[in-house]
């Protein structure tokens, strides 16, 4: 499975968020979109990563960036987690067909049945401008996300 590379068109998708609303990547083109794949809601590293995104969400908003966090969890699990943690961004369910969007981005772990820690910065034209794949046992660096978004803004 090949991870989508920088410069490639980002595979468009429509997934339901934690409230059951459809969210389409190509409709978030007011600014850059950070697509953050993570293995599972409520898990230790994922909870820490998304908590940091929550705490620093205003920095993304100031840069005009949208965060879309994607996992294979059901919308029901995502709603419960979001309500508990007060996430201000969309948690998208790649539940069924199981992991199809993660597969399209090359970050589905078929052995575990979850998305790997893939992150993609998509510009307003729908192209991947930066991506990274982090080992499942390591948290990602939010400072790097912000640095990449600032660089994209010029």
N, C-alpha and C. Protein backbone atom coordinates (compact mmCIF):
# COMPACT_ATOMS: atom_id res chain seq x y z
N UNK A 1 0.85 -1.18 0.00
CA UNK A 1 0.00 0.00 0.00
C UNK A 1 0.89 1.24 0.00
N UNK A 2 0.66 2.11 -0.94
CA UNK A 2 1.47 3.30 -1.08
C UNK A 2 0.75 4.52 -0.50
N UNK A 3 1.45 5.26 0.34
CA UNK A 3 0.90 6.48 0.93
C UNK A 3 0.84 7.54 -0.16
N UNK A 4 -0.25 8.31 -0.20
CA UNK A 4 -0.39 9.40 -1.16
C UNK A 4 0.79 10.35 -0.98
N UNK A 5 1.41 10.71 -2.08
CA UNK A 5 2.62 11.53 -2.00
C UNK A 5 2.31 13.01 -2.17
N UNK A 6 3.28 13.81 -1.74
CA UNK A 6 3.19 15.26 -1.90
C UNK A 6 3.07 15.60 -3.39
N UNK A 7 2.16 16.50 -3.70
CA UNK A 7 1.91 16.91 -5.08
C UNK A 7 0.77 16.17 -5.73
N UNK A 8 0.38 15.04 -5.17
CA UNK A 8 -0.72 14.25 -5.74
C UNK A 8 -2.06 14.87 -5.36
N UNK A 9 -3.07 14.57 -6.15
CA UNK A 9 -4.42 14.99 -5.80
C UNK A 9 -4.87 14.18 -4.60
N UNK A 10 -5.42 14.86 -3.61
CA UNK A 10 -5.93 14.18 -2.43
C UNK A 10 -7.23 13.46 -2.81
N UNK A 11 -7.34 12.17 -2.50
CA UNK A 11 -8.60 11.49 -2.78
C UNK A 11 -9.75 12.19 -2.04
N UNK A 12 -10.77 12.59 -2.80
CA UNK A 12 -11.92 13.24 -2.17
C UNK A 12 -12.73 12.18 -1.43
N UNK A 13 -13.44 12.60 -0.42
CA UNK A 13 -14.27 11.68 0.34
C UNK A 13 -15.39 12.44 1.00
N UNK A 14 -16.42 11.70 1.34
CA UNK A 14 -17.50 12.19 2.19
C UNK A 14 -17.69 11.18 3.30
N UNK A 15 -17.55 11.64 4.53
CA UNK A 15 -17.75 10.79 5.71
C UNK A 15 -18.65 11.52 6.69
N UNK A 16 -19.29 10.76 7.55
CA UNK A 16 -20.12 11.37 8.58
C UNK A 16 -19.25 11.77 9.77
N UNK A 17 -19.59 12.94 10.33
CA UNK A 17 -18.88 13.39 11.53
C UNK A 17 -19.56 12.81 12.77
N UNK A 18 -19.09 13.23 13.93
CA UNK A 18 -19.59 12.71 15.19
C UNK A 18 -21.05 13.04 15.44
N UNK A 19 -21.63 13.95 14.65
CA UNK A 19 -23.04 14.31 14.79
C UNK A 19 -23.89 13.72 13.67
N UNK A 20 -23.29 12.87 12.84
CA UNK A 20 -24.02 12.24 11.75
C UNK A 20 -24.14 13.11 10.50
N UNK A 21 -23.42 14.24 10.47
CA UNK A 21 -23.47 15.13 9.31
C UNK A 21 -22.39 14.72 8.31
N UNK A 22 -22.76 14.79 7.04
CA UNK A 22 -21.78 14.51 5.98
C UNK A 22 -20.75 15.62 5.91
N UNK A 23 -19.49 15.24 5.80
CA UNK A 23 -18.40 16.17 5.61
C UNK A 23 -17.63 15.71 4.39
N UNK A 24 -17.46 16.61 3.42
CA UNK A 24 -16.77 16.30 2.18
C UNK A 24 -15.49 17.11 2.11
N UNK A 25 -14.37 16.43 1.86
CA UNK A 25 -13.08 17.10 1.82
C UNK A 25 -13.09 18.27 0.84
N UNK A 26 -13.57 18.06 -0.37
CA UNK A 26 -13.51 19.10 -1.40
C UNK A 26 -14.38 20.31 -1.07
N UNK A 27 -15.24 20.21 -0.07
CA UNK A 27 -16.07 21.34 0.33
C UNK A 27 -15.46 22.13 1.48
N UNK A 28 -14.24 21.77 1.89
CA UNK A 28 -13.56 22.48 2.97
C UNK A 28 -12.45 23.35 2.40
N UNK A 29 -12.66 23.90 1.21
CA UNK A 29 -11.59 24.56 0.46
C UNK A 29 -11.46 26.06 0.74
N UNK A 30 -11.94 26.53 1.88
CA UNK A 30 -11.76 27.94 2.23
C UNK A 30 -10.33 28.23 2.67
N UNK A 31 -9.60 27.22 3.01
CA UNK A 31 -8.22 27.31 3.45
C UNK A 31 -7.63 25.91 3.44
N UNK A 32 -6.41 25.75 3.92
CA UNK A 32 -5.82 24.42 3.94
C UNK A 32 -6.58 23.49 4.89
N UNK A 33 -6.56 22.22 4.57
CA UNK A 33 -7.22 21.22 5.41
C UNK A 33 -6.18 20.21 5.86
N UNK A 34 -6.15 19.97 7.15
CA UNK A 34 -5.27 18.97 7.73
C UNK A 34 -6.10 17.72 7.98
N UNK A 35 -5.79 16.64 7.25
CA UNK A 35 -6.49 15.37 7.41
C UNK A 35 -5.61 14.50 8.29
N UNK A 36 -6.11 14.19 9.48
CA UNK A 36 -5.35 13.48 10.49
C UNK A 36 -5.99 12.11 10.72
N UNK A 37 -5.35 11.06 10.22
CA UNK A 37 -5.83 9.70 10.47
C UNK A 37 -5.24 9.22 11.80
N UNK A 38 -6.06 8.56 12.59
CA UNK A 38 -5.59 8.02 13.87
C UNK A 38 -6.25 6.66 14.08
N UNK A 39 -5.61 5.77 14.87
CA UNK A 39 -6.12 4.40 15.01
C UNK A 39 -7.50 4.30 15.66
N UNK A 40 -7.65 4.75 16.90
CA UNK A 40 -8.91 4.51 17.61
C UNK A 40 -9.22 5.59 18.64
N UNK A 41 -10.49 5.94 18.73
CA UNK A 41 -10.96 6.83 19.78
C UNK A 41 -10.68 6.19 21.14
N UNK A 42 -10.50 7.02 22.12
CA UNK A 42 -10.31 6.62 23.52
C UNK A 42 -8.96 5.96 23.81
N UNK A 43 -8.13 5.72 22.81
CA UNK A 43 -6.84 5.09 23.07
C UNK A 43 -5.86 6.15 23.56
N UNK A 44 -4.83 5.74 24.25
CA UNK A 44 -3.93 6.64 24.95
C UNK A 44 -3.27 7.69 24.08
N UNK A 45 -2.51 7.26 23.08
CA UNK A 45 -1.78 8.22 22.24
C UNK A 45 -2.76 9.06 21.43
N UNK A 46 -3.79 8.45 20.90
CA UNK A 46 -4.78 9.20 20.11
C UNK A 46 -5.46 10.27 20.97
N UNK A 47 -5.79 9.92 22.20
CA UNK A 47 -6.42 10.89 23.10
C UNK A 47 -5.49 12.08 23.34
N UNK A 48 -4.22 11.81 23.54
CA UNK A 48 -3.26 12.89 23.76
C UNK A 48 -3.10 13.78 22.54
N UNK A 49 -3.01 13.14 21.36
CA UNK A 49 -2.85 13.91 20.12
C UNK A 49 -4.04 14.82 19.87
N UNK A 50 -5.24 14.27 19.98
CA UNK A 50 -6.43 15.08 19.71
C UNK A 50 -6.66 16.12 20.80
N UNK A 51 -6.25 15.84 22.03
CA UNK A 51 -6.35 16.84 23.09
C UNK A 51 -5.44 18.02 22.78
N UNK A 52 -4.24 17.75 22.24
CA UNK A 52 -3.35 18.86 21.88
C UNK A 52 -3.93 19.66 20.72
N UNK A 53 -4.54 18.97 19.74
CA UNK A 53 -5.20 19.69 18.65
C UNK A 53 -6.34 20.56 19.19
N UNK A 54 -7.06 20.05 20.18
CA UNK A 54 -8.14 20.83 20.81
C UNK A 54 -7.57 22.07 21.49
N UNK A 55 -6.50 21.88 22.26
CA UNK A 55 -5.92 22.98 23.01
C UNK A 55 -5.34 24.06 22.09
N UNK A 56 -4.90 23.67 20.92
CA UNK A 56 -4.26 24.61 20.01
C UNK A 56 -5.13 24.94 18.79
N UNK A 57 -6.40 24.58 18.86
CA UNK A 57 -7.31 24.75 17.74
C UNK A 57 -7.38 26.20 17.27
N UNK A 58 -7.33 27.14 18.18
CA UNK A 58 -7.42 28.56 17.79
C UNK A 58 -6.27 28.96 16.87
N UNK A 59 -5.10 28.34 17.02
CA UNK A 59 -3.97 28.65 16.14
C UNK A 59 -4.27 28.20 14.70
N UNK A 60 -4.95 27.06 14.57
CA UNK A 60 -5.33 26.58 13.24
C UNK A 60 -6.39 27.50 12.64
N UNK A 61 -7.34 27.91 13.45
CA UNK A 61 -8.40 28.81 12.99
C UNK A 61 -7.80 30.13 12.51
N UNK A 62 -6.84 30.67 13.25
CA UNK A 62 -6.18 31.93 12.86
C UNK A 62 -5.49 31.81 11.51
N UNK A 63 -5.03 30.61 11.17
CA UNK A 63 -4.37 30.38 9.89
C UNK A 63 -5.36 29.99 8.79
N UNK A 64 -6.65 29.93 9.13
CA UNK A 64 -7.68 29.57 8.16
C UNK A 64 -7.72 28.10 7.83
N UNK A 65 -7.13 27.26 8.70
CA UNK A 65 -7.04 25.83 8.43
C UNK A 65 -8.19 25.06 9.09
N UNK A 66 -8.60 24.00 8.42
CA UNK A 66 -9.61 23.09 8.93
C UNK A 66 -8.93 21.79 9.32
N UNK A 67 -9.35 21.22 10.45
CA UNK A 67 -8.86 19.91 10.88
C UNK A 67 -9.97 18.90 10.68
N UNK A 68 -9.64 17.80 10.01
CA UNK A 68 -10.54 16.66 9.88
C UNK A 68 -9.81 15.45 10.46
N UNK A 69 -10.30 14.93 11.57
CA UNK A 69 -9.69 13.78 12.23
C UNK A 69 -10.48 12.53 11.83
N UNK A 70 -9.80 11.51 11.29
CA UNK A 70 -10.46 10.36 10.70
C UNK A 70 -10.01 9.07 11.38
N UNK A 71 -10.99 8.25 11.78
CA UNK A 71 -10.70 6.92 12.33
C UNK A 71 -11.76 5.94 11.85
N UNK A 72 -11.55 4.66 12.13
CA UNK A 72 -12.51 3.64 11.73
C UNK A 72 -13.61 3.45 12.77
N UNK A 73 -13.65 4.29 13.78
CA UNK A 73 -14.69 4.19 14.81
C UNK A 73 -16.06 4.56 14.25
N UNK A 74 -17.10 4.07 14.89
CA UNK A 74 -18.46 4.42 14.49
C UNK A 74 -18.77 5.86 14.90
N UNK A 75 -19.78 6.44 14.26
CA UNK A 75 -20.18 7.80 14.63
C UNK A 75 -20.63 7.85 16.08
N UNK A 76 -21.19 6.76 16.59
CA UNK A 76 -21.67 6.73 17.97
C UNK A 76 -20.51 6.83 18.96
N UNK A 77 -19.44 6.08 18.69
CA UNK A 77 -18.25 6.15 19.54
C UNK A 77 -17.62 7.54 19.45
N UNK A 78 -17.56 8.08 18.24
CA UNK A 78 -16.96 9.41 18.05
C UNK A 78 -17.77 10.49 18.76
N UNK A 79 -19.09 10.36 18.75
CA UNK A 79 -19.94 11.35 19.44
C UNK A 79 -19.69 11.30 20.94
N UNK A 80 -19.63 10.10 21.48
CA UNK A 80 -19.40 9.95 22.91
C UNK A 80 -18.05 10.53 23.30
N UNK A 81 -17.03 10.24 22.50
CA UNK A 81 -15.68 10.74 22.78
C UNK A 81 -15.64 12.26 22.64
N UNK A 82 -16.24 12.78 21.58
CA UNK A 82 -16.25 14.22 21.35
C UNK A 82 -16.99 14.96 22.46
N UNK A 83 -18.13 14.42 22.88
CA UNK A 83 -18.88 15.05 23.97
C UNK A 83 -18.05 15.08 25.25
N UNK A 84 -17.34 14.00 25.52
CA UNK A 84 -16.52 13.92 26.73
C UNK A 84 -15.32 14.86 26.68
N UNK A 85 -14.70 14.97 25.50
CA UNK A 85 -13.45 15.73 25.36
C UNK A 85 -13.64 17.14 24.79
N UNK A 86 -14.85 17.45 24.33
CA UNK A 86 -15.17 18.77 23.78
C UNK A 86 -14.27 19.15 22.61
N UNK A 87 -14.16 18.24 21.64
CA UNK A 87 -13.34 18.52 20.45
C UNK A 87 -14.07 19.53 19.57
N UNK A 88 -13.37 20.60 19.14
CA UNK A 88 -14.00 21.65 18.33
C UNK A 88 -13.88 21.42 16.82
N UNK A 89 -13.45 20.24 16.42
CA UNK A 89 -13.26 19.92 15.01
C UNK A 89 -13.98 18.61 14.71
N UNK A 90 -14.12 18.32 13.42
CA UNK A 90 -14.86 17.13 12.99
C UNK A 90 -14.05 15.86 13.24
N UNK A 91 -14.72 14.88 13.88
CA UNK A 91 -14.21 13.52 13.99
C UNK A 91 -14.99 12.72 12.97
N UNK A 92 -14.32 12.21 11.96
CA UNK A 92 -15.00 11.54 10.85
C UNK A 92 -14.89 10.03 10.97
N UNK A 93 -16.00 9.37 10.67
CA UNK A 93 -16.09 7.92 10.78
C UNK A 93 -15.84 7.24 9.44
N UNK A 94 -14.73 6.50 9.39
CA UNK A 94 -14.37 5.68 8.22
C UNK A 94 -14.75 4.23 8.52
N UNK A 95 -15.90 4.08 9.19
CA UNK A 95 -16.34 2.79 9.71
C UNK A 95 -16.78 1.81 8.62
N UNK A 96 -17.60 2.34 7.68
CA UNK A 96 -18.10 1.42 6.64
C UNK A 96 -18.25 2.14 5.33
N UNK A 97 -17.80 1.57 4.22
CA UNK A 97 -16.98 0.37 4.18
C UNK A 97 -15.69 0.57 4.99
N UNK A 98 -15.40 -0.40 5.80
CA UNK A 98 -14.37 -0.31 6.83
C UNK A 98 -13.02 0.14 6.28
N UNK A 99 -12.63 1.36 6.67
CA UNK A 99 -11.31 1.87 6.33
C UNK A 99 -11.10 2.25 4.88
N UNK A 100 -12.16 2.45 4.11
CA UNK A 100 -12.00 2.77 2.68
C UNK A 100 -11.22 4.05 2.43
N UNK A 101 -11.46 5.08 3.22
CA UNK A 101 -10.75 6.34 3.02
C UNK A 101 -9.29 6.18 3.43
N UNK A 102 -9.05 5.52 4.55
CA UNK A 102 -7.67 5.25 4.97
C UNK A 102 -6.94 4.44 3.89
N UNK A 103 -7.62 3.50 3.27
CA UNK A 103 -7.00 2.73 2.17
C UNK A 103 -6.65 3.64 1.00
N UNK A 104 -7.57 4.55 0.66
CA UNK A 104 -7.33 5.46 -0.47
C UNK A 104 -6.10 6.33 -0.23
N UNK A 105 -5.82 6.64 1.02
CA UNK A 105 -4.65 7.46 1.37
C UNK A 105 -3.41 6.61 1.66
N UNK A 106 -3.58 5.28 1.63
CA UNK A 106 -2.46 4.37 1.85
C UNK A 106 -2.06 4.22 3.30
N UNK A 107 -2.99 4.48 4.22
CA UNK A 107 -2.64 4.41 5.63
C UNK A 107 -3.47 3.39 6.42
N UNK A 108 -4.14 2.47 5.74
CA UNK A 108 -4.93 1.46 6.45
C UNK A 108 -4.04 0.30 6.85
N UNK A 109 -4.07 -0.08 8.10
CA UNK A 109 -3.33 -1.23 8.62
C UNK A 109 -4.28 -2.42 8.62
N UNK A 110 -4.18 -3.26 7.60
CA UNK A 110 -5.12 -4.38 7.44
C UNK A 110 -4.98 -5.42 8.54
N UNK A 111 -3.80 -5.57 9.10
CA UNK A 111 -3.60 -6.54 10.18
C UNK A 111 -4.34 -6.13 11.44
N UNK A 112 -4.33 -4.86 11.75
CA UNK A 112 -4.98 -4.35 12.96
C UNK A 112 -6.41 -3.86 12.70
N UNK A 113 -6.73 -3.59 11.44
CA UNK A 113 -8.06 -3.11 11.10
C UNK A 113 -8.30 -1.66 11.46
N UNK A 114 -7.21 -0.86 11.53
CA UNK A 114 -7.31 0.55 11.90
C UNK A 114 -6.46 1.39 10.95
N UNK A 115 -6.65 2.70 11.01
CA UNK A 115 -5.80 3.61 10.26
C UNK A 115 -4.47 3.77 11.00
N UNK A 116 -3.42 3.93 10.23
CA UNK A 116 -2.12 4.28 10.82
C UNK A 116 -2.11 5.79 11.05
N UNK A 117 -1.07 6.29 11.70
CA UNK A 117 -0.97 7.72 12.02
C UNK A 117 -0.46 8.51 10.81
N UNK A 118 -1.33 8.66 9.83
CA UNK A 118 -0.99 9.43 8.64
C UNK A 118 -1.59 10.82 8.72
N UNK A 119 -0.84 11.82 8.29
CA UNK A 119 -1.31 13.20 8.30
C UNK A 119 -1.05 13.80 6.93
N UNK A 120 -2.05 14.50 6.40
CA UNK A 120 -1.98 15.07 5.06
C UNK A 120 -2.46 16.52 5.10
N UNK A 121 -1.64 17.41 4.56
CA UNK A 121 -2.03 18.82 4.43
C UNK A 121 -2.49 19.02 2.99
N UNK A 122 -3.77 19.36 2.84
CA UNK A 122 -4.39 19.50 1.53
C UNK A 122 -4.66 20.99 1.27
N UNK A 123 -4.22 21.48 0.11
CA UNK A 123 -4.42 22.89 -0.22
C UNK A 123 -5.83 23.12 -0.77
N UNK A 124 -6.14 24.36 -1.08
CA UNK A 124 -7.49 24.71 -1.54
C UNK A 124 -7.81 24.15 -2.92
N UNK A 125 -6.79 23.71 -3.64
CA UNK A 125 -7.01 23.09 -4.95
C UNK A 125 -7.20 21.59 -4.85
N UNK A 126 -7.08 21.04 -3.64
CA UNK A 126 -7.27 19.61 -3.44
C UNK A 126 -6.02 18.78 -3.62
N UNK A 127 -4.85 19.42 -3.53
CA UNK A 127 -3.59 18.70 -3.69
C UNK A 127 -2.89 18.53 -2.35
N UNK A 128 -2.23 17.40 -2.19
CA UNK A 128 -1.46 17.14 -0.97
C UNK A 128 -0.19 17.97 -1.05
N UNK A 129 0.00 18.84 -0.09
CA UNK A 129 1.17 19.71 -0.07
C UNK A 129 2.24 19.20 0.89
N UNK A 130 1.85 18.33 1.82
CA UNK A 130 2.78 17.75 2.78
C UNK A 130 2.09 16.55 3.43
N UNK A 131 2.87 15.55 3.75
CA UNK A 131 2.31 14.40 4.48
C UNK A 131 3.39 13.78 5.34
N UNK A 132 2.94 13.06 6.33
CA UNK A 132 3.86 12.33 7.20
C UNK A 132 3.15 11.08 7.71
N UNK A 133 3.93 10.05 7.93
CA UNK A 133 3.43 8.81 8.50
C UNK A 133 4.26 8.54 9.75
N UNK A 134 3.60 8.53 10.89
CA UNK A 134 4.25 8.36 12.18
C UNK A 134 3.99 6.95 12.69
N UNK A 135 4.97 6.29 13.28
CA UNK A 135 4.72 4.96 13.85
C UNK A 135 3.54 4.98 14.82
N UNK A 136 2.80 3.90 14.85
CA UNK A 136 1.57 3.83 15.64
C UNK A 136 1.84 4.05 17.13
N UNK A 137 3.05 3.77 17.57
CA UNK A 137 3.38 3.90 18.99
C UNK A 137 3.90 5.28 19.38
N UNK A 138 3.95 6.23 18.42
CA UNK A 138 4.51 7.55 18.69
C UNK A 138 3.48 8.65 18.41
N UNK A 139 3.40 9.65 19.29
CA UNK A 139 2.52 10.79 19.00
C UNK A 139 3.14 11.71 17.96
N UNK A 140 2.28 12.42 17.25
CA UNK A 140 2.74 13.38 16.24
C UNK A 140 3.02 14.75 16.86
N UNK A 141 3.70 15.59 16.09
CA UNK A 141 4.12 16.90 16.55
C UNK A 141 3.22 17.99 15.97
N UNK A 142 2.37 18.59 16.81
CA UNK A 142 1.44 19.63 16.36
C UNK A 142 2.19 20.87 15.89
N UNK A 143 3.34 21.15 16.48
CA UNK A 143 4.14 22.30 16.01
C UNK A 143 4.50 22.14 14.54
N UNK A 144 4.80 20.91 14.13
CA UNK A 144 5.14 20.68 12.73
C UNK A 144 3.94 20.95 11.83
N UNK A 145 2.73 20.57 12.26
CA UNK A 145 1.52 20.88 11.49
C UNK A 145 1.42 22.38 11.24
N UNK A 146 1.55 23.14 12.32
CA UNK A 146 1.41 24.59 12.22
C UNK A 146 2.50 25.20 11.36
N UNK A 147 3.71 24.69 11.48
CA UNK A 147 4.83 25.18 10.66
C UNK A 147 4.54 24.94 9.18
N UNK A 148 4.03 23.76 8.86
CA UNK A 148 3.72 23.43 7.45
C UNK A 148 2.58 24.29 6.92
N UNK A 149 1.58 24.56 7.74
CA UNK A 149 0.46 25.39 7.30
C UNK A 149 0.93 26.82 7.08
N UNK A 150 1.78 27.33 7.98
CA UNK A 150 2.34 28.68 7.79
C UNK A 150 3.16 28.76 6.51
N UNK A 151 3.95 27.73 6.23
CA UNK A 151 4.77 27.72 5.01
C UNK A 151 3.89 27.71 3.77
N UNK A 152 2.77 27.00 3.83
CA UNK A 152 1.84 26.95 2.71
C UNK A 152 1.22 28.32 2.47
N UNK A 153 0.96 29.04 3.54
CA UNK A 153 0.36 30.37 3.42
C UNK A 153 1.35 31.38 2.82
N UNK A 154 2.63 31.04 2.86
CA UNK A 154 3.63 31.88 2.23
C UNK A 154 4.27 32.83 3.15
